[in-house]
Structure formats: C-alpha cells, structure tokens
Amino acid sequence: MTDLIPAPAGVVDRWDIDRIDPYLVCRFAGTAQTVTIHEKGAKVCEVGDKPFRAGCR
C-alpha cells in the first residue's frame, strides 16, 4: 500500500491510476472511523472541496 500525491487540476486534485488496482480510503476527522472502497478498473480518482467529494472512474 502507498499514498499517492495528487496532480492539482483546478478545483479538484486528480490521481492518474491507469496501472494500479486502487482502494479509496476515507478517514474522518476526530474519529477512528475509516471507509475503504475497492475501485477496481478505475483509471482516475479525484477529490474536491466545497462541497467535499471524492470518487474514481
């Protein structure tokens, strides 16, 4: 497992993940809770602010 550094893309940060099998891991401030989503087959993941959103396609 590794953390990837995003490439800024305007109002979102973007990760190009063409040759890996990604998992999206969300950690919630002030808690020990996490949500992990296997994004099998995704080529790009993005995260944005205002409102916060994250996803892969």
PDB file of N, CA and C in Angstrom:
ATOM      1  N   MET A   1       0.845  -1.183   0.000  1.00  0.00           N
ATOM      2  CA  MET A   1       0.000   0.000   0.000  1.00  0.00           C
ATOM      3  C   MET A   1       0.883   1.236   0.000  1.00  0.00           C
ATOM      4  N   THR A   2       0.352   2.281  -0.619  1.00  0.00           N
ATOM      5  CA  THR A   2       1.077   3.539  -0.677  1.00  0.00           C
ATOM      6  C   THR A   2       0.084   4.681  -0.783  1.00  0.00           C
ATOM      7  N   ASP A   3       0.515   5.858  -0.393  1.00  0.00           N
ATOM      8  CA  ASP A   3      -0.261   7.071  -0.607  1.00  0.00           C
ATOM      9  C   ASP A   3       0.301   7.755  -1.834  1.00  0.00           C
ATOM     10  N   LEU A   4      -0.560   8.190  -2.734  1.00  0.00           N
ATOM     11  CA  LEU A   4      -0.126   8.877  -3.949  1.00  0.00           C
ATOM     12  C   LEU A   4      -0.311  10.378  -3.789  1.00  0.00           C
ATOM     13  N   ILE A   5       0.587  11.144  -4.383  1.00  0.00           N
ATOM     14  CA  ILE A   5       0.486  12.603  -4.373  1.00  0.00           C
ATOM     15  C   ILE A   5      -0.349  13.020  -5.575  1.00  0.00           C
ATOM     16  N   PRO A   6      -1.397  13.830  -5.347  1.00  0.00           N
ATOM     17  CA  PRO A   6      -2.274  14.202  -6.461  1.00  0.00           C
ATOM     18  C   PRO A   6      -1.659  15.270  -7.353  1.00  0.00           C
ATOM     19  N   ALA A   7      -2.166  15.341  -8.574  1.00  0.00           N
ATOM     20  CA  ALA A   7      -1.832  16.418  -9.504  1.00  0.00           C
ATOM     21  C   ALA A   7      -2.972  17.420  -9.441  1.00  0.00           C
ATOM     22  N   PRO A   8      -2.711  18.677  -9.010  1.00  0.00           N
ATOM     23  CA  PRO A   8      -3.785  19.675  -8.955  1.00  0.00           C
ATOM     24  C   PRO A   8      -4.402  19.862 -10.336  1.00  0.00           C
ATOM     25  N   ALA A   9      -5.732  19.892 -10.391  1.00  0.00           N
ATOM     26  CA  ALA A   9      -6.456  20.040 -11.657  1.00  0.00           C
ATOM     27  C   ALA A   9      -7.592  21.035 -11.465  1.00  0.00           C
ATOM     28  N   GLY A  10      -7.262  22.284 -11.190  1.00  0.00           N
ATOM     29  CA  GLY A  10      -8.295  23.294 -10.963  1.00  0.00           C
ATOM     30  C   GLY A  10      -8.889  23.180  -9.580  1.00  0.00           C
ATOM     31  N   VAL A  11     -10.198  22.971  -9.502  1.00  0.00           N
ATOM     32  CA  VAL A  11     -10.884  22.903  -8.210  1.00  0.00           C
ATOM     33  C   VAL A  11     -10.835  21.515  -7.590  1.00  0.00           C
ATOM     34  N   VAL A  12     -10.195  20.557  -8.266  1.00  0.00           N
ATOM     35  CA  VAL A  12     -10.045  19.199  -7.740  1.00  0.00           C
ATOM     36  C   VAL A  12      -8.583  18.783  -7.796  1.00  0.00           C
ATOM     37  N   ASP A  13      -8.234  17.795  -6.989  1.00  0.00           N
ATOM     38  CA  ASP A  13      -6.939  17.123  -7.103  1.00  0.00           C
ATOM     39  C   ASP A  13      -7.208  15.805  -7.805  1.00  0.00           C
ATOM     40  N   ARG A  14      -6.296  15.398  -8.680  1.00  0.00           N
ATOM     41  CA  ARG A  14      -6.529  14.211  -9.506  1.00  0.00           C
ATOM     42  C   ARG A  14      -5.333  13.260  -9.419  1.00  0.00           C
ATOM     43  N   TRP A  15      -5.660  11.973  -9.381  1.00  0.00           N
ATOM     44  CA  TRP A  15      -4.653  10.919  -9.431  1.00  0.00           C
ATOM     45  C   TRP A  15      -4.895  10.098 -10.685  1.00  0.00           C
ATOM     46  N   ASP A  16      -3.892   9.960 -11.532  1.00  0.00           N
ATOM     47  CA  ASP A  16      -3.979   9.058 -12.678  1.00  0.00           C
ATOM     48  C   ASP A  16      -3.475   7.700 -12.217  1.00  0.00           C
ATOM     49  N   ILE A  17      -4.323   6.699 -12.278  1.00  0.00           N
ATOM     50  CA  ILE A  17      -4.028   5.394 -11.675  1.00  0.00           C
ATOM     51  C   ILE A  17      -4.212   4.269 -12.680  1.00  0.00           C
ATOM     52  N   ASP A  18      -3.775   4.499 -13.890  1.00  0.00           N
ATOM     53  CA  ASP A  18      -4.021   3.584 -15.001  1.00  0.00           C
ATOM     54  C   ASP A  18      -3.497   2.165 -14.770  1.00  0.00           C
ATOM     55  N   ARG A  19      -2.402   1.983 -14.089  1.00  0.00           N
ATOM     56  CA  ARG A  19      -1.798   0.645 -13.988  1.00  0.00           C
ATOM     57  C   ARG A  19      -1.773   0.083 -12.567  1.00  0.00           C
ATOM     58  N   ILE A  20      -2.664   0.555 -11.718  1.00  0.00           N
ATOM     59  CA  ILE A  20      -2.718   0.013 -10.361  1.00  0.00           C
ATOM     60  C   ILE A  20      -4.145  -0.418 -10.031  1.00  0.00           C
ATOM     61  N   ASP A  21      -4.299  -1.184  -8.981  1.00  0.00           N
ATOM     62  CA  ASP A  21      -5.597  -1.648  -8.500  1.00  0.00           C
ATOM     63  C   ASP A  21      -5.922  -0.824  -7.249  1.00  0.00           C
ATOM     64  N   PRO A  22      -6.631   0.311  -7.392  1.00  0.00           N
ATOM     65  CA  PRO A  22      -6.745   1.277  -6.297  1.00  0.00           C
ATOM     66  C   PRO A  22      -7.829   0.959  -5.267  1.00  0.00           C
ATOM     67  N   TYR A  23      -7.578   1.445  -4.076  1.00  0.00           N
ATOM     68  CA  TYR A  23      -8.552   1.475  -2.994  1.00  0.00           C
ATOM     69  C   TYR A  23      -8.668   2.921  -2.543  1.00  0.00           C
ATOM     70  N   LEU A  24      -9.874   3.422  -2.405  1.00  0.00           N
ATOM     71  CA  LEU A  24     -10.129   4.760  -1.900  1.00  0.00           C
ATOM     72  C   LEU A  24     -10.381   4.623  -0.408  1.00  0.00           C
ATOM     73  N   VAL A  25      -9.540   5.275   0.414  1.00  0.00           N
ATOM     74  CA  VAL A  25      -9.657   5.178   1.867  1.00  0.00           C
ATOM     75  C   VAL A  25     -10.008   6.554   2.412  1.00  0.00           C
ATOM     76  N   CYS A  26     -11.148   6.647   3.084  1.00  0.00           N
ATOM     77  CA  CYS A  26     -11.602   7.905   3.674  1.00  0.00           C
ATOM     78  C   CYS A  26     -11.450   7.815   5.188  1.00  0.00           C
ATOM     79  N   ARG A  27     -10.786   8.808   5.756  1.00  0.00           N
ATOM     80  CA  ARG A  27     -10.621   8.899   7.216  1.00  0.00           C
ATOM     81  C   ARG A  27     -11.406  10.116   7.685  1.00  0.00           C
ATOM     82  N   PHE A  28     -12.065   9.994   8.812  1.00  0.00           N
ATOM     83  CA  PHE A  28     -12.938  11.044   9.305  1.00  0.00           C
ATOM     84  C   PHE A  28     -12.305  11.744  10.502  1.00  0.00           C
ATOM     85  N   ALA A  29     -12.153  13.064  10.394  1.00  0.00           N
ATOM     86  CA  ALA A  29     -11.507  13.871  11.435  1.00  0.00           C
ATOM     87  C   ALA A  29     -12.212  13.692  12.775  1.00  0.00           C
ATOM     88  N   GLY A  30     -11.410  13.569  13.817  1.00  0.00           N
ATOM     89  CA  GLY A  30     -11.945  13.466  15.163  1.00  0.00           C
ATOM     90  C   GLY A  30     -12.469  12.090  15.537  1.00  0.00           C
ATOM     91  N   THR A  31     -12.295  11.104  14.644  1.00  0.00           N
ATOM     92  CA  THR A  31     -12.765   9.740  14.934  1.00  0.00           C
ATOM     93  C   THR A  31     -11.696   8.739  14.495  1.00  0.00           C
ATOM     94  N   ALA A  32     -11.911   7.503  14.843  1.00  0.00           N
ATOM     95  CA  ALA A  32     -11.042   6.424  14.374  1.00  0.00           C
ATOM     96  C   ALA A  32     -11.690   5.695  13.198  1.00  0.00           C
ATOM     97  N   GLN A  33     -12.776   6.238  12.652  1.00  0.00           N
ATOM     98  CA  GLN A  33     -13.547   5.598  11.594  1.00  0.00           C
ATOM     99  C   GLN A  33     -12.902   5.774  10.227  1.00  0.00           C
ATOM    100  N   THR A  34     -12.924   4.731   9.437  1.00  0.00           N
ATOM    101  CA  THR A  34     -12.494   4.801   8.042  1.00  0.00           C
ATOM    102  C   THR A  34     -13.477   4.021   7.176  1.00  0.00           C
ATOM    103  N   VAL A  35     -13.529   4.404   5.913  1.00  0.00           N
ATOM    104  CA  VAL A  35     -14.304   3.686   4.910  1.00  0.00           C
ATOM    105  C   VAL A  35     -13.344   3.375   3.772  1.00  0.00           C
ATOM    106  N   THR A  36     -13.286   2.124   3.349  1.00  0.00           N
ATOM    107  CA  THR A  36     -12.405   1.708   2.260  1.00  0.00           C
ATOM    108  C   THR A  36     -13.250   1.151   1.123  1.00  0.00           C
ATOM    109  N   ILE A  37     -13.002   1.673  -0.086  1.00  0.00           N
ATOM    110  CA  ILE A  37     -13.748   1.249  -1.263  1.00  0.00           C
ATOM    111  C   ILE A  37     -12.758   0.763  -2.313  1.00  0.00           C
ATOM    112  N   HIS A  38     -12.944  -0.452  -2.792  1.00  0.00           N
ATOM    113  CA  HIS A  38     -12.094  -1.002  -3.845  1.00  0.00           C
ATOM    114  C   HIS A  38     -12.588  -0.441  -5.177  1.00  0.00           C
ATOM    115  N   GLU A  39     -11.780   0.331  -5.852  1.00  0.00           N
ATOM    116  CA  GLU A  39     -12.156   0.993  -7.107  1.00  0.00           C
ATOM    117  C   GLU A  39     -11.587   0.236  -8.306  1.00  0.00           C
ATOM    118  N   LYS A  40     -11.836  -1.061  -8.351  1.00  0.00           N
ATOM    119  CA  LYS A  40     -11.304  -1.935  -9.398  1.00  0.00           C
ATOM    120  C   LYS A  40     -11.664  -1.410 -10.793  1.00  0.00           C
ATOM    121  N   GLY A  41     -10.668  -1.308 -11.647  1.00  0.00           N
ATOM    122  CA  GLY A  41     -10.872  -0.863 -13.015  1.00  0.00           C
ATOM    123  C   GLY A  41     -10.848   0.640 -13.216  1.00  0.00           C
ATOM    124  N   ALA A  42     -10.735   1.409 -12.148  1.00  0.00           N
ATOM    125  CA  ALA A  42     -10.707   2.874 -12.277  1.00  0.00           C
ATOM    126  C   ALA A  42      -9.404   3.326 -12.929  1.00  0.00           C
ATOM    127  N   LYS A  43      -9.479   4.415 -13.670  1.00  0.00           N
ATOM    128  CA  LYS A  43      -8.301   4.998 -14.314  1.00  0.00           C
ATOM    129  C   LYS A  43      -7.906   6.329 -13.691  1.00  0.00           C
ATOM    130  N   VAL A  44      -8.887   6.996 -13.035  1.00  0.00           N
ATOM    131  CA  VAL A  44      -8.657   8.311 -12.441  1.00  0.00           C
ATOM    132  C   VAL A  44      -9.452   8.409 -11.143  1.00  0.00           C
ATOM    133  N   CYS A  45      -8.841   8.977 -10.109  1.00  0.00           N
ATOM    134  CA  CYS A  45      -9.560   9.330  -8.883  1.00  0.00           C
ATOM    135  C   CYS A  45      -9.429  10.835  -8.686  1.00  0.00           C
ATOM    136  N   GLU A  46     -10.485  11.449  -8.131  1.00  0.00           N
ATOM    137  CA  GLU A  46     -10.491  12.885  -7.896  1.00  0.00           C
ATOM    138  C   GLU A  46     -11.067  13.180  -6.524  1.00  0.00           C
ATOM    139  N   VAL A  47     -10.604  14.278  -5.939  1.00  0.00           N
ATOM    140  CA  VAL A  47     -11.170  14.780  -4.692  1.00  0.00           C
ATOM    141  C   VAL A  47     -11.307  16.289  -4.838  1.00  0.00           C
ATOM    142  N   GLY A  48     -12.421  16.807  -4.358  1.00  0.00           N
ATOM    143  CA  GLY A  48     -12.672  18.239  -4.442  1.00  0.00           C
ATOM    144  C   GLY A  48     -13.200  18.772  -3.126  1.00  0.00           C
ATOM    145  N   ASP A  49     -13.220  20.071  -3.037  1.00  0.00           N
ATOM    146  CA  ASP A  49     -13.659  20.757  -1.836  1.00  0.00           C
ATOM    147  C   ASP A  49     -14.842  21.648  -2.198  1.00  0.00           C
ATOM    148  N   LYS A  50     -15.657  21.977  -1.242  1.00  0.00           N
ATOM    149  CA  LYS A  50     -16.750  22.951  -1.409  1.00  0.00           C
ATOM    150  C   LYS A  50     -17.774  22.547  -2.434  1.00  0.00           C
ATOM    151  N   PRO A  51     -18.598  21.586  -2.245  1.00  0.00           N
ATOM    152  CA  PRO A  51     -18.628  20.656  -1.122  1.00  0.00           C
ATOM    153  C   PRO A  51     -17.593  19.549  -1.315  1.00  0.00           C
ATOM    154  N   PHE A  52     -17.187  18.937  -0.201  1.00  0.00           N
ATOM    155  CA  PHE A  52     -16.211  17.864  -0.289  1.00  0.00           C
ATOM    156  C   PHE A  52     -16.798  16.719  -1.094  1.00  0.00           C
ATOM    157  N   ARG A  53     -15.989  16.162  -1.983  1.00  0.00           N
ATOM    158  CA  ARG A  53     -16.401  14.997  -2.758  1.00  0.00           C
ATOM    159  C   ARG A  53     -15.165  14.212  -3.177  1.00  0.00           C
ATOM    160  N   ALA A  54     -15.313  12.911  -3.296  1.00  0.00           N
ATOM    161  CA  ALA A  54     -14.214  12.054  -3.741  1.00  0.00           C
ATOM    162  C   ALA A  54     -14.818  10.907  -4.532  1.00  0.00           C
ATOM    163  N   GLY A  55     -14.087  10.482  -5.558  1.00  0.00           N
ATOM    164  CA  GLY A  55     -14.571   9.356  -6.346  1.00  0.00           C
ATOM    165  C   GLY A  55     -13.579   8.938  -7.403  1.00  0.00           C
ATOM    166  N   CYS A  56     -13.823   7.790  -7.963  1.00  0.00           N
ATOM    167  CA  CYS A  56     -12.951   7.250  -9.013  1.00  0.00           C
ATOM    168  C   CYS A  56     -13.823   6.823 -10.180  1.00  0.00           C
ATOM    169  N   ARG A  57     -13.221   6.832 -11.349  1.00  0.00           N
ATOM    170  CA  ARG A  57     -13.929   6.386 -12.547  1.00  0.00           C
ATOM    171  C   ARG A  57     -12.966   5.710 -13.473  1.00  0.00           C
TER     172      ARG A  57
END
